[in-house]
Amino acid sequence: MARRTLWRIGAAVAGCLLGMATVACWAQRDELSVPNPGFEEIGGTVAPEFLRHAAITDRVPAAWVAMQWAPFGSKFETIVEDGAGRAGSRACAARNLDATACPGIYTRISLPPGRYELTFHVRCQPGKRGFVRAYLGDAYSPLELVGPGWRRVTYERTIRSALSDAEIRLQNHSRRVTTVWFDDVSLRRVASRSVSFVPDKRRRPPKTLLLSPLAPADLQRDAAAWAERGFGGFLLRDIMTDWSVDIWSADGDPVTTGEDDEKLQEVLTCNAACRAHEIDNFIYVPWTTPIPLWLDDEGWEDAIDALHQAAIFAARSHCKGVAIDVESIAEQFWPQWEGYDYSLYSKSALRQAAYARGTQIATAIFGAQPELELLLLPEGLLEYGPFYEYLFRGIMEQAGEARYRGGVHLLSKGTFDVTNVEDLLQYPSSIDIAVRTLVNKAAQRYWQKRCSLALGSWPLGYTRPITAADGDLAGWGGRAQIFGDEQIGKYGDRGPRFPIERFSEQFAGMMMAGKKYAWIYAHGPTWWRGEPMPDTAGMTPQEIAKLRARHTVENIDEYYSIVRRHDVVKLRK
């Protein structure tokens, strides 16, 4: 989606209070009191967990807290500086002392439900550009690119429920050593507008992909039913369970490969049934165990070959592509990971090696068949460390130079719990800015022409950690009102993580923001019915509730209806 198109979508939705056909408007704009808005007073604190990582701790703006939001204790400085403000007064400097930091400040304020406009002024140090973002209540603003001149940034969003301790955050999100200055923060309550949800009239609306443990044989049998439910593709789990696995051993016989492989024939037959209903499937490859060190040529030779074999399997079984999930090894994307020994190599050498591994991954996947699609999840660019950025750059710049027809498609996990449509529609612009800033011109054109971002949702499958007396993880529980603190296992409760009305709104935002795909994470077998409920005669109401929560999603047809409708957002003036 073009950047200006994304901007128009965000601008059109800004001002919306969603989920209602008609919303009353305030007659005036009410200014709220933000403490120490010009950062003229000193006397704030540094978040205790970051005290040893802050270069200066005694010049924090009064009524604000200084911290940084990147992991592993990156070095930073957040202070009041004399003469740095817009009119020669004071301003708050948020300084990255290393490229991994994400420093800034926050304060807390009570917010009743309503729509708010947060405004602040910001500039970057001379000769550089940086990125900033704000946080209001429970969501981030899009990334904003800033230069050395002062500019005014405005972030509007709707607060659904009263927040007694809502945060206002201002962050230097530049991901490089640089300083930005913040000044003159204001917050006001503004008039709301309303929206409605209408069917998507596009000739080819985004397809909805489901990441699930559904077996190929079951998908083959029920392909027509899944198409009727509104699903357009599946990320097939449990075929290749890690990057280190030989996909040709998935059938229990590592000797047979190619057309003689039983698992390939199973997936091929499944895909033939699915294609009749325009369902596209992908081989899902999670990076579960630590990947080889970036400079380990021998280890990466094996890893790249395993990915290449997965791509060959996908091509020969007529899958649409390969999906790589890197979430489990995210710590390895940060230079501070404990597995790195900088007495043997430099951070620069690791960055260049990560870039080279990205080019190898692109060649391994698309070399099997240029029409294959490569799905990367999570999106990572806003939250992961610099080695992920270099890995992604390598993938994109190799793909852009070779012009592989399938494209690279990012699947977000950062939107799993974002159910407010306006927040969802602002999300793609941050990813778009991050990609365009990171890669070269050829890769930018490739991103525009062949690639996309798919927003993700996790509506079903409630799980929560149960901690022991010492604070360690003891097990996994479900909804407390049904199971209490009983350890039922990670997949024991099929119930909703948030109300279905919020999923309906979220899905409309996913559809509207999507160019090619939206996707849903199925936490266990949550999106299909199991065997009929057993006889509950003689059971107590609590026992019946537990059985139902473990057994099925009682209103699953309503969820299917939401996916099938493909609603999008329509603004009402």
Protein backbone atom coordinates (compact mmCIF):
# COMPACT_ATOMS: atom_id res chain seq x y z
CA MET A 1 0.00 0.00 0.00
CA ALA A 2 1.41 3.36 -0.94
CA ARG A 3 2.62 5.54 1.88
CA ARG A 4 0.31 8.38 0.98
CA THR A 5 -2.59 5.92 0.83
CA LEU A 6 -1.74 4.74 4.32
CA TRP A 7 -1.62 8.35 5.43
CA ARG A 8 -5.07 9.01 3.95
CA ILE A 9 -6.50 6.00 5.73
CA GLY A 10 -5.05 7.12 9.04
CA ALA A 11 -6.27 10.67 8.54
CA ALA A 12 -9.74 9.53 7.55
CA VAL A 13 -10.12 7.36 10.61
CA ALA A 14 -8.63 9.87 13.04
CA GLY A 15 -11.45 11.35 15.07
CA CYS A 16 -13.54 8.19 15.17
CA LEU A 17 -15.14 6.72 18.24
CA LEU A 18 -15.81 3.24 16.96
CA GLY A 19 -18.34 0.48 17.47
CA MET A 20 -21.41 2.75 17.54
CA ALA A 21 -23.58 4.01 14.71
CA THR A 22 -24.11 7.38 16.35
CA VAL A 23 -21.90 9.17 18.86
CA ALA A 24 -22.54 12.51 20.53
CA CYS A 25 -20.01 15.28 19.95
CA TRP A 26 -18.64 17.71 22.53
CA ALA A 27 -19.40 21.32 21.78
CA GLN A 28 -15.97 22.50 22.85
CA ARG A 29 -12.42 21.26 23.16
CA ASP A 30 -11.46 20.74 26.80
CA GLU A 31 -7.82 21.32 27.74
CA LEU A 32 -6.45 18.85 30.29
CA SER A 33 -3.66 19.64 32.68
CA VAL A 34 -0.37 17.95 31.83
CA PRO A 35 2.22 18.29 34.61
CA ASN A 36 5.29 20.37 33.78
CA PRO A 37 4.38 20.50 30.07
CA GLY A 38 7.33 22.65 29.01
CA PHE A 39 9.89 20.72 31.08
CA GLU A 40 10.99 23.91 32.82
CA GLU A 41 11.17 22.28 36.25
CA ILE A 42 13.63 19.63 37.42
CA GLY A 43 12.91 17.01 40.06
CA GLY A 44 11.68 13.86 38.30
CA THR A 45 13.08 10.38 38.74
CA VAL A 46 14.62 7.56 36.74
CA ALA A 47 12.70 4.28 36.70
CA PRO A 48 14.45 2.16 39.38
CA GLU A 49 15.26 -0.74 37.08
CA PHE A 50 17.13 1.64 34.76
CA LEU A 51 19.08 3.68 37.29
CA ARG A 52 22.39 2.00 36.51
CA HIS A 53 21.90 2.53 32.76
CA ALA A 54 21.11 6.27 32.90
CA ALA A 55 24.12 8.52 32.39
CA ILE A 56 22.59 11.37 34.45
CA THR A 57 19.88 10.88 37.08
CA ASP A 58 19.43 14.29 38.71
CA ARG A 59 18.05 16.44 35.87
CA VAL A 60 14.84 14.62 34.95
CA PRO A 61 11.77 16.82 34.34
CA ALA A 62 9.64 17.21 37.47
CA ALA A 63 6.51 15.00 37.55
CA TRP A 64 7.98 12.74 34.82
CA VAL A 65 9.92 9.47 34.94
CA ALA A 66 12.93 8.78 32.70
CA MET A 67 13.48 5.32 31.26
CA GLN A 68 14.22 3.45 28.07
CA TRP A 69 12.00 0.84 26.43
CA ALA A 70 14.54 -1.44 24.77
CA PRO A 71 15.64 -4.61 26.60
CA PHE A 72 19.00 -5.49 28.09
CA GLY A 73 19.66 -2.11 29.74
CA SER A 74 20.91 -0.04 26.84
CA LYS A 75 22.68 3.19 27.82
CA PHE A 76 20.71 6.43 27.67
CA GLU A 77 20.32 9.96 29.01
CA THR A 78 17.00 11.76 29.54
CA ILE A 79 17.46 15.21 31.08
CA VAL A 80 16.32 18.83 31.11
CA GLU A 81 18.66 21.06 29.08
CA ASP A 82 18.87 24.81 29.47
CA GLY A 83 18.37 26.89 26.32
CA ALA A 84 17.32 23.91 24.20
CA GLY A 85 13.61 24.80 24.02
CA ARG A 86 11.60 26.43 21.27
CA ALA A 87 11.96 29.95 22.66
CA GLY A 88 15.36 29.55 24.23
CA SER A 89 13.83 28.03 27.34
CA ARG A 90 14.35 24.52 28.65
CA ALA A 91 13.49 21.28 26.83
CA CYS A 92 13.78 17.58 27.57
CA ALA A 93 16.62 15.81 25.76
CA ALA A 94 16.24 12.07 25.11
CA ARG A 95 19.65 10.79 24.08
CA ASN A 96 20.63 7.35 22.76
CA LEU A 97 24.12 6.61 24.04
CA ASP A 98 24.10 3.39 22.06
CA ALA A 99 22.09 2.42 19.00
CA THR A 100 19.88 -0.09 20.80
CA ALA A 101 18.37 2.34 23.33
CA CYS A 102 14.84 3.71 23.16
CA PRO A 103 14.87 6.50 25.77
CA GLY A 104 12.24 8.95 26.82
CA ILE A 105 9.94 10.01 29.61
CA TYR A 106 6.48 9.24 30.91
CA THR A 107 3.95 10.69 33.30
CA ARG A 108 0.56 9.46 34.48
CA ILE A 109 -2.83 11.10 34.26
CA SER A 110 -6.45 10.13 34.85
CA LEU A 111 -8.52 9.89 31.64
CA PRO A 112 -12.28 9.36 31.43
CA PRO A 113 -13.65 7.74 28.26
CA GLY A 114 -13.50 10.00 25.22
CA ARG A 115 -11.38 11.13 22.33
CA TYR A 116 -8.12 12.97 23.00
CA GLU A 117 -5.53 14.96 21.09
CA LEU A 118 -1.97 14.77 22.36
CA THR A 119 0.37 17.42 20.95
CA PHE A 120 4.09 17.97 21.45
CA HIS A 121 7.00 19.66 19.70
CA VAL A 122 10.17 17.80 18.81
CA ARG A 123 13.45 18.21 16.94
CA CYS A 124 16.56 16.12 16.25
CA GLN A 125 20.19 17.13 16.60
CA PRO A 126 21.76 19.08 13.72
CA GLY A 127 22.79 17.02 10.72
CA LYS A 128 20.72 13.98 11.68
CA ARG A 129 17.24 12.58 11.42
CA GLY A 130 15.46 10.53 14.02
CA PHE A 131 12.20 8.81 14.82
CA VAL A 132 9.88 9.50 17.71
CA ARG A 133 6.58 8.15 18.88
CA ALA A 134 4.15 8.84 21.69
CA TYR A 135 1.97 6.63 23.84
CA LEU A 136 -1.39 7.66 25.20
CA GLY A 137 -3.43 5.50 27.54
CA ASP A 138 -2.78 2.07 26.06
CA ALA A 139 -1.52 2.52 22.49
CA TYR A 140 1.37 4.00 20.53
CA SER A 141 1.21 6.65 17.85
CA PRO A 142 2.72 6.00 14.42
CA LEU A 143 6.43 6.65 14.00
CA GLU A 144 7.27 10.26 13.15
CA LEU A 145 10.40 11.22 11.22
CA VAL A 146 11.98 14.40 12.61
CA GLY A 147 14.88 16.58 11.51
CA PRO A 148 16.84 19.41 13.17
CA GLY A 149 13.98 21.94 12.96
CA TRP A 150 11.16 22.06 15.47
CA ARG A 151 7.96 20.38 14.31
CA ARG A 152 4.58 19.92 15.91
CA VAL A 153 3.31 16.34 16.25
CA THR A 154 -0.33 15.52 16.97
CA TYR A 155 -1.69 12.12 17.98
CA GLU A 156 -5.44 11.56 18.32
CA ARG A 157 -7.05 8.47 19.74
CA THR A 158 -10.13 7.25 21.58
CA ILE A 159 -10.06 5.94 25.14
CA ARG A 160 -12.89 3.42 25.53
CA SER A 161 -12.85 2.83 29.28
CA ALA A 162 -11.81 5.14 32.09
CA LEU A 163 -8.09 4.94 32.88
CA SER A 164 -7.17 6.14 36.35
CA ASP A 165 -3.43 5.79 35.77
CA ALA A 166 -2.99 6.36 32.03
CA GLU A 167 0.52 6.91 30.72
CA ILE A 168 1.72 9.65 28.42
CA ARG A 169 5.06 8.60 26.92
CA LEU A 170 7.45 10.41 24.61
CA GLN A 171 10.16 8.22 23.05
CA ASN A 172 13.27 8.63 20.97
CA HIS A 173 12.81 5.61 18.68
CA SER A 174 15.65 6.43 16.28
CA ARG A 175 17.57 3.13 16.69
CA ARG A 176 20.83 5.02 16.27
CA VAL A 177 23.07 7.18 18.46
CA THR A 178 21.34 10.54 18.41
CA THR A 179 19.48 13.10 20.51
CA VAL A 180 15.94 14.43 20.18
CA TRP A 181 14.41 17.24 22.23
CA PHE A 182 10.78 17.38 23.37
CA ASP A 183 8.96 20.56 24.39
CA ASP A 184 5.48 21.97 25.08
CA VAL A 185 3.22 18.96 25.63
CA SER A 186 -0.54 19.48 25.65
CA LEU A 187 -3.58 17.22 25.88
CA ARG A 188 -7.16 18.09 25.13
CA ARG A 189 -10.43 16.28 24.77
CA VAL A 190 -11.89 16.70 21.29
CA ALA A 191 -15.11 15.96 19.47
CA SER A 192 -15.81 12.43 18.36
CA ARG A 193 -17.03 11.23 15.01
CA SER A 194 -18.74 7.97 14.27
CA VAL A 195 -18.15 5.11 11.89
CA SER A 196 -20.04 2.09 10.69
CA PHE A 197 -18.93 -1.24 9.30
CA VAL A 198 -19.85 -2.15 5.74
CA PRO A 199 -18.96 -5.08 3.42
CA ASP A 200 -15.66 -4.85 1.56
CA LYS A 201 -16.47 -4.09 -2.10
CA ARG A 202 -12.98 -4.77 -3.44
CA ARG A 203 -12.89 -7.37 -6.19
CA ARG A 204 -10.16 -9.25 -4.34
CA PRO A 205 -10.31 -8.45 -0.62
CA PRO A 206 -7.44 -9.67 1.57
CA LYS A 207 -7.43 -13.38 2.28
CA THR A 208 -7.62 -14.49 5.91
CA LEU A 209 -4.88 -16.93 6.87
CA LEU A 210 -5.11 -19.19 9.91
CA LEU A 211 -2.04 -20.41 11.80
CA SER A 212 -3.22 -23.65 13.36
CA PRO A 213 -2.30 -27.26 14.20
CA LEU A 214 -4.95 -28.54 11.76
CA ALA A 215 -3.66 -31.69 10.02
CA PRO A 216 -3.48 -31.63 6.20
CA ALA A 217 -5.84 -34.62 5.99
CA ASP A 218 -8.47 -32.80 8.07
CA LEU A 219 -8.04 -29.62 6.03
CA GLN A 220 -8.43 -31.63 2.82
CA ARG A 221 -11.66 -33.18 4.08
CA ASP A 222 -13.16 -29.88 5.25
CA ALA A 223 -11.75 -27.47 2.64
CA ALA A 224 -15.20 -26.49 1.37
CA ALA A 225 -16.39 -25.77 4.92
CA TRP A 226 -13.34 -23.62 5.67
CA ALA A 227 -13.89 -21.62 2.50
CA GLU A 228 -17.53 -21.10 3.48
CA ARG A 229 -16.37 -19.84 6.88
CA GLY A 230 -14.32 -17.16 5.15
CA PHE A 231 -10.77 -18.50 5.42
CA GLY A 232 -8.46 -18.20 2.43
CA GLY A 233 -5.33 -19.97 3.59
CA PHE A 234 -3.49 -21.89 6.30
CA LEU A 235 -0.03 -21.86 7.82
CA LEU A 236 0.55 -25.59 8.18
CA ARG A 237 2.15 -26.39 11.52
CA ASP A 238 3.77 -29.62 12.70
CA ILE A 239 5.32 -30.47 9.32
CA MET A 240 8.63 -28.69 9.99
CA THR A 241 8.80 -27.98 13.71
CA ASP A 242 12.10 -26.07 13.77
CA TRP A 243 14.63 -24.51 11.40
CA SER A 244 16.99 -27.42 12.17
CA VAL A 245 14.55 -30.17 11.14
CA ASP A 246 14.86 -32.10 7.89
CA ILE A 247 11.44 -31.64 6.30
CA TRP A 248 11.84 -34.89 4.35
CA SER A 249 11.78 -36.77 7.67
CA ALA A 250 8.30 -35.46 8.54
CA ASP A 251 6.80 -38.73 7.23
CA GLY A 252 9.04 -40.76 9.53
CA ASP A 253 11.30 -41.81 6.66
CA PRO A 254 14.22 -39.43 6.05
CA VAL A 255 15.45 -41.46 3.08
CA THR A 256 12.55 -40.71 0.75
CA THR A 257 12.50 -37.24 -0.81
CA GLY A 258 10.63 -35.50 -3.59
CA GLU A 259 7.62 -37.20 -5.14
CA ASP A 260 8.23 -40.41 -3.13
CA ASP A 261 7.81 -38.63 0.19
CA GLU A 262 4.53 -39.59 1.89
CA LYS A 263 4.15 -36.26 3.69
CA LEU A 264 4.66 -34.37 0.42
CA GLN A 265 1.94 -36.47 -1.19
CA GLU A 266 -0.36 -35.78 1.77
CA VAL A 267 0.16 -32.01 1.48
CA LEU A 268 -0.10 -32.16 -2.33
CA THR A 269 -3.48 -33.88 -2.09
CA CYS A 270 -4.60 -31.38 0.55
CA ASN A 271 -3.58 -28.44 -1.62
CA ALA A 272 -5.47 -29.85 -4.64
CA ALA A 273 -8.66 -29.90 -2.56
CA CYS A 274 -7.94 -26.42 -1.17
CA ARG A 275 -7.21 -24.81 -4.54
CA ALA A 276 -10.68 -25.77 -5.72
CA HIS A 277 -11.94 -23.34 -3.07
CA GLU A 278 -9.22 -20.69 -3.58
CA ILE A 279 -7.43 -21.61 -0.35
CA ASP A 280 -3.64 -21.08 -0.32
CA ASN A 281 -1.40 -22.90 2.14
CA PHE A 282 2.09 -22.26 3.52
CA ILE A 283 4.73 -24.40 5.18
CA TYR A 284 5.26 -22.92 8.65
CA VAL A 285 8.85 -22.97 9.93
CA PRO A 286 9.32 -21.77 13.53
CA TRP A 287 12.80 -20.84 14.70
CA THR A 288 12.35 -22.59 18.04
CA THR A 289 15.91 -23.44 19.04
CA PRO A 290 18.75 -20.90 18.97
CA ILE A 291 20.01 -20.23 15.48
CA PRO A 292 23.75 -20.58 14.72
CA LEU A 293 25.93 -17.61 15.59
CA TRP A 294 25.93 -15.15 12.72
CA LEU A 295 29.59 -15.88 11.87
CA ASP A 296 29.19 -19.67 12.03
CA ASP A 297 29.46 -20.53 8.33
CA GLU A 298 29.14 -24.27 8.85
CA GLY A 299 26.08 -23.96 11.08
CA TRP A 300 24.40 -21.55 8.68
CA GLU A 301 25.16 -23.78 5.72
CA ASP A 302 23.03 -26.47 7.38
CA ALA A 303 20.31 -23.96 8.36
CA ILE A 304 20.08 -22.47 4.87
CA ASP A 305 19.95 -25.92 3.30
CA ALA A 306 17.09 -26.89 5.65
CA LEU A 307 15.16 -23.77 4.60
CA HIS A 308 15.89 -24.47 0.95
CA GLN A 309 14.54 -28.00 1.32
CA ALA A 310 11.43 -26.56 3.00
CA ALA A 311 10.97 -24.27 -0.02
CA ILE A 312 11.43 -27.19 -2.43
CA PHE A 313 8.84 -29.14 -0.43
CA ALA A 314 6.47 -26.15 -0.59
CA ALA A 315 6.92 -25.74 -4.34
CA ARG A 316 6.50 -29.43 -5.17
CA SER A 317 3.45 -29.78 -2.93
CA HIS A 318 1.91 -26.67 -4.57
CA CYS A 319 1.97 -24.59 -1.41
CA LYS A 320 1.86 -20.82 -1.82
CA GLY A 321 5.05 -20.28 0.12
CA VAL A 322 7.00 -20.57 3.37
CA ALA A 323 6.30 -18.79 6.67
CA ILE A 324 9.24 -18.19 9.03
CA ASP A 325 8.45 -17.38 12.68
CA VAL A 326 11.43 -15.89 14.53
CA GLU A 327 9.77 -14.91 17.81
CA SER A 328 11.30 -17.64 19.98
CA ILE A 329 14.89 -16.57 19.25
CA ALA A 330 14.27 -12.80 19.47
CA GLU A 331 16.97 -12.33 22.12
CA GLN A 332 19.61 -13.22 19.54
CA PHE A 333 18.75 -10.07 17.59
CA TRP A 334 20.23 -7.90 20.36
CA PRO A 335 23.99 -7.31 20.74
CA GLN A 336 23.65 -7.84 24.50
CA TRP A 337 22.60 -11.47 24.13
CA GLU A 338 24.67 -13.61 26.52
CA GLY A 339 25.77 -15.95 23.73
CA TYR A 340 27.97 -13.31 22.06
CA ASP A 341 31.68 -13.06 22.91
CA TYR A 342 33.09 -9.74 21.69
CA SER A 343 36.64 -10.80 22.46
CA LEU A 344 36.38 -12.93 19.31
CA TYR A 345 34.59 -10.55 16.92
CA SER A 346 33.01 -7.12 16.73
CA LYS A 347 29.39 -6.02 16.69
CA SER A 348 29.99 -4.63 13.21
CA ALA A 349 31.10 -8.06 12.00
CA LEU A 350 27.92 -9.59 13.43
CA ARG A 351 25.75 -7.00 11.72
CA GLN A 352 27.34 -7.67 8.35
CA ALA A 353 27.04 -11.42 8.89
CA ALA A 354 23.33 -11.07 9.77
CA TYR A 355 22.85 -9.15 6.51
CA ALA A 356 24.60 -11.94 4.59
CA ARG A 357 22.36 -14.56 6.22
CA GLY A 358 19.35 -12.56 5.05
CA THR A 359 20.54 -12.66 1.45
CA GLN A 360 21.10 -16.41 1.79
CA ILE A 361 17.59 -16.93 3.16
CA ALA A 362 16.04 -15.03 0.25
CA THR A 363 18.08 -17.04 -2.25
CA ALA A 364 17.19 -20.32 -0.51
CA ILE A 365 13.45 -19.67 -0.52
CA PHE A 366 12.97 -17.98 -3.87
CA GLY A 367 15.65 -20.08 -5.53
CA ALA A 368 13.37 -23.09 -5.15
CA GLN A 369 10.70 -21.22 -7.11
CA PRO A 370 10.57 -17.43 -7.68
CA GLU A 371 6.78 -17.39 -7.38
CA LEU A 372 6.87 -18.64 -3.80
CA GLU A 373 5.92 -16.12 -1.13
CA LEU A 374 7.99 -15.61 2.00
CA LEU A 375 6.00 -14.74 5.11
CA LEU A 376 7.96 -13.30 8.05
CA LEU A 377 6.44 -13.17 11.53
CA PRO A 378 6.37 -11.25 13.71
CA GLU A 379 6.93 -7.92 11.97
CA GLY A 380 9.86 -7.19 14.31
CA LEU A 381 11.05 -3.89 12.87
CA LEU A 382 9.66 -1.77 15.70
CA GLU A 383 10.63 -4.00 18.61
CA TYR A 384 13.55 -6.29 17.73
CA GLY A 385 17.25 -5.51 17.85
CA PRO A 386 19.69 -4.41 15.14
CA PHE A 387 20.63 -7.91 13.97
CA TYR A 388 17.01 -8.44 12.93
CA GLU A 389 17.15 -5.19 10.97
CA TYR A 390 20.25 -6.38 9.12
CA LEU A 391 18.74 -9.82 8.53
CA PHE A 392 15.60 -8.19 7.12
CA ARG A 393 17.65 -5.82 4.98
CA GLY A 394 19.53 -8.75 3.51
CA ILE A 395 16.30 -10.54 2.64
CA MET A 396 14.66 -7.48 1.13
CA GLU A 397 17.65 -6.16 -0.82
CA GLN A 398 18.40 -9.58 -2.31
CA ALA A 399 14.74 -10.01 -3.22
CA GLY A 400 14.55 -6.48 -4.60
CA GLU A 401 17.63 -6.92 -6.76
CA ALA A 402 16.44 -10.29 -8.10
CA ARG A 403 12.79 -9.14 -8.36
CA TYR A 404 11.37 -12.40 -7.11
CA ARG A 405 7.71 -12.50 -8.05
CA GLY A 406 6.34 -13.98 -4.84
CA GLY A 407 7.21 -11.14 -2.50
CA VAL A 408 8.00 -10.81 1.20
CA HIS A 409 4.98 -10.36 3.46
CA LEU A 410 5.17 -9.34 7.12
CA LEU A 411 2.64 -10.82 9.54
CA SER A 412 2.19 -8.68 12.64
CA LYS A 413 1.86 -10.08 16.12
CA GLY A 414 1.94 -6.62 17.65
CA THR A 415 -1.75 -6.19 16.79
CA PHE A 416 -2.99 -9.37 18.54
CA ASP A 417 -4.68 -7.34 21.28
CA VAL A 418 -5.30 -4.10 19.38
CA THR A 419 -9.04 -4.02 18.82
CA ASN A 420 -9.57 -0.31 18.24
CA VAL A 421 -9.88 0.27 14.48
CA GLU A 422 -8.14 3.63 14.46
CA ASP A 423 -5.13 2.18 16.28
CA LEU A 424 -4.98 -0.66 13.76
CA LEU A 425 -5.13 1.68 10.79
CA GLN A 426 -2.24 3.75 12.12
CA TYR A 427 -0.04 0.68 12.55
CA PRO A 428 0.87 0.07 8.86
CA SER A 429 2.32 3.55 8.44
CA SER A 430 4.95 2.87 11.13
CA ILE A 431 5.99 -0.37 9.45
CA ASP A 432 6.03 1.32 6.05
CA ILE A 433 8.28 4.11 7.34
CA ALA A 434 10.60 1.62 9.05
CA VAL A 435 10.97 -0.49 5.89
CA ARG A 436 11.55 2.46 3.58
CA THR A 437 14.15 3.96 5.91
CA LEU A 438 15.99 0.68 6.35
CA VAL A 439 16.41 -0.72 2.82
CA ASN A 440 17.93 0.55 -0.43
CA LYS A 441 16.02 2.01 -3.39
CA ALA A 442 15.59 -1.29 -5.24
CA ALA A 443 14.17 -2.92 -2.10
CA GLN A 444 11.87 0.06 -1.50
CA ARG A 445 10.41 -0.38 -4.98
CA TYR A 446 10.11 -4.11 -4.37
CA TRP A 447 8.34 -3.51 -1.05
CA GLN A 448 5.88 -1.24 -2.81
CA LYS A 449 5.19 -3.55 -5.74
CA ARG A 450 5.41 -7.11 -4.41
CA CYS A 451 5.22 -7.03 -0.63
CA SER A 452 2.68 -6.30 2.10
CA LEU A 453 1.87 -6.19 5.79
CA ALA A 454 -0.86 -8.44 7.23
CA LEU A 455 -2.30 -7.50 10.61
CA GLY A 456 -2.83 -10.34 13.06
CA SER A 457 -5.40 -11.29 15.70
CA TRP A 458 -5.56 -13.80 18.58
CA PRO A 459 -9.22 -13.83 19.66
CA LEU A 460 -9.70 -17.43 20.91
CA GLY A 461 -7.74 -19.60 23.31
CA TYR A 462 -7.41 -18.03 26.74
CA THR A 463 -4.24 -18.82 28.68
CA ARG A 464 -2.48 -17.23 31.61
CA PRO A 465 0.62 -18.14 33.60
CA ILE A 466 0.21 -19.59 37.09
CA THR A 467 3.11 -18.66 39.34
CA ALA A 468 4.46 -20.57 42.31
CA ALA A 469 5.13 -19.05 45.72
CA ASP A 470 8.69 -18.21 44.69
CA GLY A 471 7.44 -16.35 41.62
CA ASP A 472 8.55 -18.97 39.11
CA LEU A 473 6.19 -20.33 36.46
CA ALA A 474 4.24 -23.28 37.86
CA GLY A 475 1.96 -23.96 34.89
CA TRP A 476 -0.81 -22.57 32.73
CA GLY A 477 -4.40 -21.76 33.63
CA GLY A 478 -7.55 -20.54 31.90
CA ARG A 479 -10.20 -17.98 32.77
CA ALA A 480 -10.12 -17.44 36.52
CA GLN A 481 -13.91 -17.23 36.80
CA ILE A 482 -14.15 -20.77 35.45
CA PHE A 483 -10.95 -22.53 36.49
CA GLY A 484 -9.62 -20.43 39.35
CA ASP A 485 -5.87 -21.14 39.63
CA GLU A 486 -6.15 -24.73 38.43
CA GLN A 487 -3.32 -25.72 36.10
CA ILE A 488 -5.09 -26.95 32.98
CA GLY A 489 -2.29 -26.67 30.42
CA LYS A 490 -1.57 -23.99 27.88
CA TYR A 491 -4.37 -25.07 25.53
CA GLY A 492 -6.95 -26.12 28.10
CA ASP A 493 -9.35 -23.17 27.72
CA ARG A 494 -10.74 -22.52 24.24
CA GLY A 495 -12.61 -19.43 25.36
CA PRO A 496 -12.31 -15.83 24.11
CA ARG A 497 -9.50 -13.49 25.09
CA PHE A 498 -11.73 -10.45 24.59
CA PRO A 499 -15.43 -9.93 23.72
CA ILE A 500 -16.60 -10.93 20.26
CA GLU A 501 -17.74 -7.35 19.59
CA ARG A 502 -14.13 -6.25 19.89
CA PHE A 503 -13.03 -8.97 17.49
CA SER A 504 -15.63 -7.78 14.99
CA GLU A 505 -14.16 -4.29 15.10
CA GLN A 506 -10.60 -5.58 15.04
CA PHE A 507 -11.26 -7.75 12.00
CA ALA A 508 -12.78 -4.83 10.09
CA GLY A 509 -9.58 -2.87 10.75
CA MET A 510 -7.45 -5.82 9.64
CA MET A 511 -9.40 -6.04 6.39
CA MET A 512 -9.21 -2.33 5.69
CA ALA A 513 -5.46 -2.15 6.41
CA GLY A 514 -4.67 -5.31 4.47
CA LYS A 515 -3.30 -5.30 0.96
CA LYS A 516 -3.14 -9.06 0.42
CA TYR A 517 -3.66 -10.87 3.74
CA ALA A 518 -4.96 -10.69 7.27
CA TRP A 519 -4.18 -13.52 9.66
CA ILE A 520 -5.42 -15.19 12.82
CA TYR A 521 -3.48 -17.20 15.36
CA ALA A 522 -5.37 -20.31 16.48
CA HIS A 523 -4.23 -21.15 20.01
CA GLY A 524 -4.73 -24.89 19.77
CA PRO A 525 -7.89 -26.35 18.15
CA THR A 526 -10.03 -23.30 18.84
CA TRP A 527 -11.50 -22.60 15.40
CA TRP A 528 -13.15 -25.94 14.72
CA ARG A 529 -15.62 -28.13 16.57
CA GLY A 530 -14.49 -31.25 18.37
CA GLU A 531 -16.58 -34.27 19.15
CA PRO A 532 -20.13 -33.65 20.45
CA MET A 533 -20.31 -32.63 24.09
CA PRO A 534 -20.53 -35.69 26.36
CA ASP A 535 -23.46 -36.25 28.67
CA THR A 536 -23.33 -33.76 31.54
CA ALA A 537 -26.00 -35.41 33.67
CA GLY A 538 -25.06 -35.33 37.32
CA MET A 539 -22.40 -32.66 36.86
CA THR A 540 -22.39 -29.45 38.85
CA PRO A 541 -22.70 -26.13 36.96
CA GLN A 542 -19.01 -25.46 37.63
CA GLU A 543 -18.01 -28.85 36.22
CA ILE A 544 -20.14 -28.25 33.12
CA ALA A 545 -18.57 -24.81 32.60
CA LYS A 546 -15.09 -26.33 32.79
CA LEU A 547 -16.00 -29.09 30.33
CA ARG A 548 -17.44 -26.61 27.84
CA ALA A 549 -14.44 -24.30 28.09
CA ARG A 550 -12.11 -27.22 27.35
CA HIS A 551 -14.28 -28.71 24.65
CA THR A 552 -15.56 -26.07 22.26
CA VAL A 553 -16.24 -22.43 21.46
CA GLU A 554 -20.00 -22.34 21.84
CA ASN A 555 -20.57 -19.33 19.58
CA ILE A 556 -18.02 -20.30 16.95
CA ASP A 557 -20.58 -19.68 14.17
CA GLU A 558 -20.63 -16.01 15.14
CA TYR A 559 -16.86 -15.85 14.72
CA TYR A 560 -17.15 -17.53 11.32
CA SER A 561 -19.74 -14.94 10.34
CA ILE A 562 -17.35 -12.09 11.15
CA VAL A 563 -14.57 -13.61 9.05
CA ARG A 564 -16.95 -14.39 6.19
CA ARG A 565 -18.44 -10.88 6.02
CA HIS A 566 -15.14 -9.08 5.31
CA ASP A 567 -16.45 -5.83 6.78
CA VAL A 568 -14.45 -2.62 6.52
CA VAL A 569 -14.83 0.83 8.05
CA LYS A 570 -16.95 3.66 6.75
CA LEU A 571 -16.59 7.10 8.31
CA ARG A 572 -19.72 9.06 9.11
CA LYS A 573 -19.23 12.80 9.22
